[in-house]
Amino acid sequence: KNASDRQRGPVRLFLAQAQAAGVDTGTSAGFAVIPAITGSSIKAARLASALFERGINVQPILYPAVPEKSARLRFFVSCEHSEMQIRQTVAALAEELAQI
């Protein structure tokens, strides 16, 4: 496999898992940066904090960088992420989203 193929596998897995869990990934086409749209800056900030407490480092993108209804978390996925890390991250994301 070339580097591009190794990169796409984890990204496709993350995107598929997130979409299956009901996460709004916007128009993501499966590239290295995948959004989780929360719809409010407060939700995005709370979600990023909750995930950080679980060992997941993801940055919120808040108003005014994006419109308020487009506030999101931005996940950077690389070939260094294992399948288990991706599955655990998406599961944690879905759990925390359900509580916000």
N, C-alpha and C. Protein backbone atom coordinates (compact mmCIF):
# COMPACT_ATOMS: atom_id res chain seq x y z
N LYS A 1 0.84 -1.20 0.00
CA LYS A 1 0.00 0.00 0.00
C LYS A 1 0.87 1.24 0.00
N ASN A 2 0.43 2.24 -0.74
CA ASN A 2 1.16 3.50 -0.70
C ASN A 2 0.66 4.35 0.47
N ALA A 3 1.33 5.46 0.73
CA ALA A 3 0.99 6.31 1.88
C ALA A 3 -0.44 6.82 1.80
N SER A 4 -0.89 7.12 0.59
CA SER A 4 -2.25 7.64 0.42
C SER A 4 -3.28 6.60 0.82
N ASP A 5 -3.07 5.35 0.44
CA ASP A 5 -3.99 4.27 0.80
C ASP A 5 -4.00 4.02 2.31
N ARG A 6 -2.80 4.08 2.93
CA ARG A 6 -2.71 3.88 4.38
C ARG A 6 -3.45 4.99 5.12
N GLN A 7 -3.43 6.19 4.59
CA GLN A 7 -4.11 7.32 5.22
C GLN A 7 -5.63 7.19 5.07
N ARG A 8 -6.07 6.78 3.91
CA ARG A 8 -7.52 6.74 3.65
C ARG A 8 -8.26 5.72 4.50
N GLY A 9 -7.63 4.59 4.83
CA GLY A 9 -8.30 3.56 5.61
C GLY A 9 -8.82 4.07 6.94
N PRO A 10 -7.97 4.66 7.78
CA PRO A 10 -8.45 5.18 9.07
C PRO A 10 -9.47 6.30 8.90
N VAL A 11 -9.28 7.14 7.91
CA VAL A 11 -10.22 8.25 7.69
C VAL A 11 -11.59 7.70 7.28
N ARG A 12 -11.60 6.76 6.37
CA ARG A 12 -12.88 6.16 5.95
C ARG A 12 -13.57 5.46 7.11
N LEU A 13 -12.78 4.77 7.94
CA LEU A 13 -13.36 4.09 9.10
C LEU A 13 -13.97 5.10 10.06
N PHE A 14 -13.24 6.18 10.35
CA PHE A 14 -13.75 7.20 11.27
C PHE A 14 -15.05 7.78 10.72
N LEU A 15 -15.05 8.16 9.45
CA LEU A 15 -16.23 8.76 8.84
C LEU A 15 -17.41 7.81 8.86
N ALA A 16 -17.18 6.56 8.49
CA ALA A 16 -18.27 5.57 8.47
C ALA A 16 -18.82 5.33 9.87
N GLN A 17 -17.93 5.19 10.85
CA GLN A 17 -18.35 4.95 12.23
C GLN A 17 -19.12 6.16 12.76
N ALA A 18 -18.63 7.36 12.49
CA ALA A 18 -19.29 8.57 12.97
C ALA A 18 -20.68 8.70 12.36
N GLN A 19 -20.78 8.49 11.07
CA GLN A 19 -22.08 8.60 10.41
C GLN A 19 -23.04 7.53 10.92
N ALA A 20 -22.55 6.32 11.15
CA ALA A 20 -23.39 5.23 11.67
C ALA A 20 -23.88 5.56 13.08
N ALA A 21 -23.09 6.33 13.83
CA ALA A 21 -23.46 6.71 15.19
C ALA A 21 -24.36 7.95 15.22
N GLY A 22 -24.68 8.47 14.04
CA GLY A 22 -25.57 9.63 13.97
C GLY A 22 -24.88 10.97 14.15
N VAL A 23 -23.56 10.99 14.03
CA VAL A 23 -22.81 12.24 14.14
C VAL A 23 -22.96 13.02 12.84
N ASP A 24 -23.26 14.31 12.95
CA ASP A 24 -23.37 15.18 11.77
C ASP A 24 -21.96 15.51 11.29
N THR A 25 -21.54 14.89 10.20
CA THR A 25 -20.21 15.14 9.64
C THR A 25 -20.26 16.10 8.46
N GLY A 26 -21.37 16.78 8.31
CA GLY A 26 -21.50 17.78 7.24
C GLY A 26 -21.29 17.16 5.88
N THR A 27 -20.49 17.83 5.09
CA THR A 27 -20.23 17.37 3.72
C THR A 27 -18.89 16.66 3.62
N SER A 28 -18.38 16.15 4.74
CA SER A 28 -17.09 15.48 4.74
C SER A 28 -17.05 14.39 3.69
N ALA A 29 -15.97 14.39 2.93
CA ALA A 29 -15.81 13.41 1.86
C ALA A 29 -14.75 12.37 2.22
N GLY A 30 -14.39 12.29 3.50
CA GLY A 30 -13.43 11.28 3.91
C GLY A 30 -12.00 11.70 3.73
N PHE A 31 -11.71 12.97 3.94
CA PHE A 31 -10.33 13.44 3.92
C PHE A 31 -9.83 13.48 5.36
N ALA A 32 -8.60 13.88 5.59
CA ALA A 32 -7.95 13.78 6.90
C ALA A 32 -8.63 14.57 8.01
N VAL A 33 -9.39 15.60 7.67
CA VAL A 33 -10.08 16.40 8.68
C VAL A 33 -11.57 16.11 8.59
N ILE A 34 -12.13 15.64 9.71
CA ILE A 34 -13.56 15.29 9.72
C ILE A 34 -14.25 16.10 10.81
N PRO A 35 -15.28 16.85 10.42
CA PRO A 35 -15.99 17.64 11.42
C PRO A 35 -17.07 16.83 12.14
N ALA A 36 -17.35 17.25 13.35
CA ALA A 36 -18.53 16.77 14.08
C ALA A 36 -19.29 18.05 14.42
N ILE A 37 -20.31 18.33 13.64
CA ILE A 37 -21.04 19.59 13.77
C ILE A 37 -21.98 19.50 14.96
N THR A 38 -21.86 20.47 15.86
CA THR A 38 -22.67 20.47 17.09
C THR A 38 -23.81 21.46 17.02
N GLY A 39 -23.69 22.48 16.17
CA GLY A 39 -24.76 23.45 16.02
C GLY A 39 -24.71 24.61 17.00
N SER A 40 -23.80 24.57 17.98
CA SER A 40 -23.63 25.72 18.86
C SER A 40 -22.23 25.72 19.43
N SER A 41 -21.70 26.92 19.65
CA SER A 41 -20.35 27.06 20.20
C SER A 41 -20.27 26.48 21.61
N ILE A 42 -21.31 26.67 22.39
CA ILE A 42 -21.31 26.16 23.76
C ILE A 42 -21.23 24.63 23.74
N LYS A 43 -22.02 23.99 22.89
CA LYS A 43 -21.99 22.53 22.80
C LYS A 43 -20.61 22.05 22.34
N ALA A 44 -20.05 22.74 21.35
CA ALA A 44 -18.73 22.33 20.83
C ALA A 44 -17.67 22.43 21.92
N ALA A 45 -17.69 23.51 22.68
CA ALA A 45 -16.70 23.69 23.75
C ALA A 45 -16.88 22.65 24.85
N ARG A 46 -18.11 22.41 25.24
CA ARG A 46 -18.39 21.40 26.28
C ARG A 46 -17.98 20.01 25.82
N LEU A 47 -18.28 19.71 24.57
CA LEU A 47 -17.95 18.39 24.03
C LEU A 47 -16.44 18.20 23.95
N ALA A 48 -15.72 19.22 23.50
CA ALA A 48 -14.25 19.13 23.43
C ALA A 48 -13.67 18.90 24.82
N SER A 49 -14.21 19.59 25.82
CA SER A 49 -13.74 19.44 27.20
C SER A 49 -14.03 18.04 27.72
N ALA A 50 -15.23 17.53 27.47
CA ALA A 50 -15.60 16.19 27.94
C ALA A 50 -14.71 15.13 27.29
N LEU A 51 -14.44 15.29 26.01
CA LEU A 51 -13.59 14.32 25.32
C LEU A 51 -12.15 14.42 25.82
N PHE A 52 -11.66 15.64 26.09
CA PHE A 52 -10.31 15.81 26.61
C PHE A 52 -10.16 15.07 27.94
N GLU A 53 -11.19 15.13 28.77
CA GLU A 53 -11.16 14.42 30.05
C GLU A 53 -11.09 12.91 29.84
N ARG A 54 -11.48 12.45 28.67
CA ARG A 54 -11.43 11.02 28.34
C ARG A 54 -10.17 10.68 27.53
N GLY A 55 -9.26 11.64 27.43
CA GLY A 55 -7.99 11.40 26.74
C GLY A 55 -8.01 11.64 25.24
N ILE A 56 -9.03 12.33 24.76
CA ILE A 56 -9.16 12.60 23.33
C ILE A 56 -8.96 14.09 23.10
N ASN A 57 -7.94 14.44 22.33
CA ASN A 57 -7.62 15.84 22.07
C ASN A 57 -8.24 16.26 20.75
N VAL A 58 -9.29 17.05 20.82
CA VAL A 58 -9.96 17.56 19.62
C VAL A 58 -10.32 19.02 19.88
N GLN A 59 -10.11 19.85 18.89
CA GLN A 59 -10.33 21.27 19.06
C GLN A 59 -11.71 21.70 18.56
N PRO A 60 -12.37 22.56 19.34
CA PRO A 60 -13.64 23.11 18.87
C PRO A 60 -13.38 24.27 17.91
N ILE A 61 -14.22 24.37 16.91
CA ILE A 61 -14.18 25.50 15.98
C ILE A 61 -15.48 26.27 16.23
N LEU A 62 -15.33 27.48 16.76
CA LEU A 62 -16.46 28.23 17.29
C LEU A 62 -16.71 29.51 16.51
N TYR A 63 -17.88 30.10 16.75
CA TYR A 63 -18.19 31.42 16.23
C TYR A 63 -17.17 32.39 16.82
N PRO A 64 -16.59 33.33 16.09
CA PRO A 64 -16.91 33.77 14.73
C PRO A 64 -16.11 33.09 13.63
N ALA A 65 -15.29 32.07 13.98
CA ALA A 65 -14.53 31.38 12.92
C ALA A 65 -15.46 30.68 11.94
N VAL A 66 -16.60 30.21 12.45
CA VAL A 66 -17.65 29.62 11.61
C VAL A 66 -18.98 30.20 12.11
N PRO A 67 -20.03 30.17 11.28
CA PRO A 67 -21.33 30.62 11.78
C PRO A 67 -21.74 29.79 12.99
N GLU A 68 -22.48 30.39 13.92
CA GLU A 68 -22.87 29.73 15.16
C GLU A 68 -23.49 28.35 14.91
N LYS A 69 -24.38 28.24 13.93
CA LYS A 69 -25.03 26.95 13.66
C LYS A 69 -24.08 25.93 13.03
N SER A 70 -22.89 26.38 12.66
CA SER A 70 -21.89 25.47 12.08
C SER A 70 -20.76 25.15 13.05
N ALA A 71 -20.90 25.53 14.32
CA ALA A 71 -19.87 25.22 15.32
C ALA A 71 -19.63 23.71 15.31
N ARG A 72 -18.38 23.33 15.52
CA ARG A 72 -18.02 21.92 15.34
C ARG A 72 -16.76 21.56 16.10
N LEU A 73 -16.51 20.27 16.15
CA LEU A 73 -15.22 19.75 16.54
C LEU A 73 -14.54 19.32 15.24
N ARG A 74 -13.25 19.48 15.21
CA ARG A 74 -12.52 19.10 14.00
C ARG A 74 -11.54 17.99 14.36
N PHE A 75 -11.82 16.79 13.86
CA PHE A 75 -10.97 15.63 14.12
C PHE A 75 -9.94 15.49 13.00
N PHE A 76 -8.69 15.36 13.38
CA PHE A 76 -7.61 15.13 12.44
C PHE A 76 -7.23 13.65 12.54
N VAL A 77 -7.48 12.90 11.49
CA VAL A 77 -7.27 11.46 11.50
C VAL A 77 -6.06 11.15 10.62
N SER A 78 -5.18 10.30 11.12
CA SER A 78 -4.00 9.94 10.33
C SER A 78 -3.79 8.43 10.35
N CYS A 79 -2.84 7.99 9.55
CA CYS A 79 -2.53 6.56 9.48
C CYS A 79 -1.89 6.07 10.77
N GLU A 80 -1.53 6.98 11.66
CA GLU A 80 -0.97 6.60 12.96
C GLU A 80 -2.06 6.14 13.94
N HIS A 81 -3.32 6.44 13.64
CA HIS A 81 -4.42 6.04 14.52
C HIS A 81 -4.81 4.59 14.22
N SER A 82 -4.92 3.81 15.29
CA SER A 82 -5.31 2.41 15.12
C SER A 82 -6.82 2.29 14.96
N GLU A 83 -7.25 1.16 14.48
CA GLU A 83 -8.68 0.91 14.34
C GLU A 83 -9.36 1.01 15.72
N MET A 84 -8.71 0.48 16.75
CA MET A 84 -9.28 0.53 18.09
C MET A 84 -9.41 1.98 18.58
N GLN A 85 -8.40 2.80 18.35
CA GLN A 85 -8.48 4.21 18.75
C GLN A 85 -9.63 4.91 18.06
N ILE A 86 -9.80 4.64 16.78
CA ILE A 86 -10.86 5.28 16.02
C ILE A 86 -12.22 4.84 16.56
N ARG A 87 -12.40 3.55 16.75
CA ARG A 87 -13.68 3.05 17.25
C ARG A 87 -13.98 3.59 18.65
N GLN A 88 -12.98 3.64 19.51
CA GLN A 88 -13.17 4.17 20.87
C GLN A 88 -13.48 5.67 20.85
N THR A 89 -12.82 6.40 19.96
CA THR A 89 -13.06 7.84 19.86
C THR A 89 -14.47 8.12 19.39
N VAL A 90 -14.91 7.42 18.36
CA VAL A 90 -16.26 7.64 17.85
C VAL A 90 -17.30 7.24 18.90
N ALA A 91 -17.05 6.15 19.61
CA ALA A 91 -17.99 5.73 20.66
C ALA A 91 -18.06 6.80 21.76
N ALA A 92 -16.92 7.33 22.17
CA ALA A 92 -16.90 8.39 23.19
C ALA A 92 -17.59 9.64 22.67
N LEU A 93 -17.35 9.98 21.43
CA LEU A 93 -18.01 11.15 20.81
C LEU A 93 -19.52 10.98 20.84
N ALA A 94 -20.00 9.82 20.43
CA ALA A 94 -21.45 9.58 20.40
C ALA A 94 -22.04 9.63 21.81
N GLU A 95 -21.34 9.03 22.79
CA GLU A 95 -21.82 9.05 24.18
C GLU A 95 -21.91 10.48 24.72
N GLU A 96 -20.87 11.25 24.49
CA GLU A 96 -20.84 12.62 25.01
C GLU A 96 -21.86 13.51 24.28
N LEU A 97 -22.01 13.30 22.99
CA LEU A 97 -23.01 14.08 22.23
C LEU A 97 -24.41 13.83 22.78
N ALA A 98 -24.68 12.60 23.15
CA ALA A 98 -26.01 12.25 23.66
C ALA A 98 -26.30 12.91 25.00
N GLN A 99 -25.25 13.28 25.72
CA GLN A 99 -25.42 13.88 27.05
C GLN A 99 -25.45 15.41 27.02
N ILE A 100 -25.15 15.98 25.88
CA ILE A 100 -25.11 17.46 25.79
C ILE A 100 -26.46 18.00 25.38
